[in-house]
Amino acid sequence: MIALLSNKATLRILCAMVLGIVVGLGSQHISLPVAVHDVVFQDICWTIGQIFLRLLQMLVVPVVLVSMVCGVAGLGDLKSLG
């Protein structure tokens, strides 16, 4: 376990996960006015989530396309494709 935590990236990821859990659980117990709650949790968090999902889509689609093209190009003979 110590060897796993010696990696800085692993330690940062674990700290971010713990911080996310604490903030998520703590936000349930904070009494904010309804308008502030709506802006923070519905508008800002939704926008950040949508940006994150679209960035993932921008990465995944080209990677899948390139892997398919490289796979077909690596076959050599197109008759073996089907």
Protein backbone atom coordinates (compact mmCIF):
# COMPACT_ATOMS: atom_id res chain seq x y z
CA MET A 1 0.00 0.00 0.00
CA ILE A 2 2.88 2.37 0.76
CA ALA A 3 4.38 1.71 -2.68
CA LEU A 4 1.04 2.58 -4.27
CA LEU A 5 0.88 5.92 -2.46
CA SER A 6 4.47 6.80 -3.36
CA ASN A 7 3.25 7.77 -6.82
CA LYS A 8 2.22 11.45 -6.75
CA ALA A 9 -0.53 11.02 -9.33
CA THR A 10 -2.15 8.21 -7.36
CA LEU A 11 -2.03 10.25 -4.19
CA ARG A 12 -3.58 13.27 -5.92
CA ILE A 13 -6.38 11.14 -7.36
CA LEU A 14 -7.16 9.62 -3.98
CA CYS A 15 -7.15 13.05 -2.33
CA ALA A 16 -9.48 14.42 -5.02
CA MET A 17 -11.85 11.48 -4.53
CA VAL A 18 -11.96 12.00 -0.78
CA LEU A 19 -12.44 15.75 -1.23
CA GLY A 20 -15.27 15.13 -3.71
CA ILE A 21 -17.03 12.81 -1.29
CA VAL A 22 -16.66 15.30 1.57
CA VAL A 23 -17.94 18.21 -0.52
CA GLY A 24 -20.81 16.13 -1.90
CA LEU A 25 -21.93 14.95 1.51
CA GLY A 26 -21.33 18.35 3.09
CA SER A 27 -23.35 20.20 0.48
CA GLN A 28 -26.46 18.34 1.57
CA HIS A 29 -26.25 19.82 5.04
CA ILE A 30 -25.60 23.44 4.05
CA SER A 31 -28.73 25.55 4.15
CA LEU A 32 -28.47 27.92 1.21
CA PRO A 33 -31.24 30.11 -0.14
CA VAL A 34 -33.11 28.41 -2.97
CA ALA A 35 -31.88 30.88 -5.59
CA VAL A 36 -28.24 30.35 -4.65
CA HIS A 37 -28.71 26.58 -4.52
CA ASP A 38 -30.27 26.59 -8.00
CA VAL A 39 -27.48 28.68 -9.49
CA VAL A 40 -24.66 26.71 -7.90
CA PHE A 41 -25.88 23.15 -8.22
CA GLN A 42 -28.10 23.27 -11.27
CA ASP A 43 -26.51 25.88 -13.52
CA ILE A 44 -22.81 25.86 -12.72
CA CYS A 45 -22.44 22.13 -11.99
CA TRP A 46 -24.59 21.21 -15.00
CA THR A 47 -22.49 23.41 -17.30
CA ILE A 48 -19.22 21.98 -16.01
CA GLY A 49 -20.61 18.45 -16.39
CA GLN A 50 -21.69 19.11 -19.98
CA ILE A 51 -18.27 20.54 -20.85
CA PHE A 52 -16.60 17.48 -19.33
CA LEU A 53 -18.84 15.06 -21.25
CA ARG A 54 -18.28 16.85 -24.54
CA LEU A 55 -14.51 16.84 -24.00
CA LEU A 56 -14.70 13.08 -23.41
CA GLN A 57 -16.67 12.65 -26.62
CA MET A 58 -14.08 14.70 -28.50
CA LEU A 59 -11.42 12.27 -27.30
CA VAL A 60 -13.26 8.96 -27.59
CA VAL A 61 -14.65 9.26 -31.12
CA PRO A 62 -11.29 9.92 -32.84
CA VAL A 63 -9.57 7.21 -30.80
CA VAL A 64 -12.19 4.62 -31.82
CA LEU A 65 -12.04 5.72 -35.46
CA VAL A 66 -8.25 5.58 -35.57
CA SER A 67 -8.17 2.17 -33.89
CA MET A 68 -10.67 0.81 -36.43
CA VAL A 69 -8.69 2.23 -39.37
CA CYS A 70 -5.41 0.86 -38.00
CA GLY A 71 -7.02 -2.51 -37.40
CA VAL A 72 -8.33 -2.74 -40.96
CA ALA A 73 -5.03 -1.46 -42.38
CA GLY A 74 -3.16 -4.06 -40.37
CA LEU A 75 -5.11 -6.92 -41.93
CA GLY A 76 -3.25 -6.59 -45.21
CA ASP A 77 -5.71 -8.58 -47.29
CA LEU A 78 -9.22 -7.13 -47.44
CA LYS A 79 -10.69 -10.55 -48.33
CA SER A 80 -9.99 -11.69 -44.78
CA LEU A 81 -12.15 -8.83 -43.49
CA GLY A 82 -15.36 -10.60 -44.38
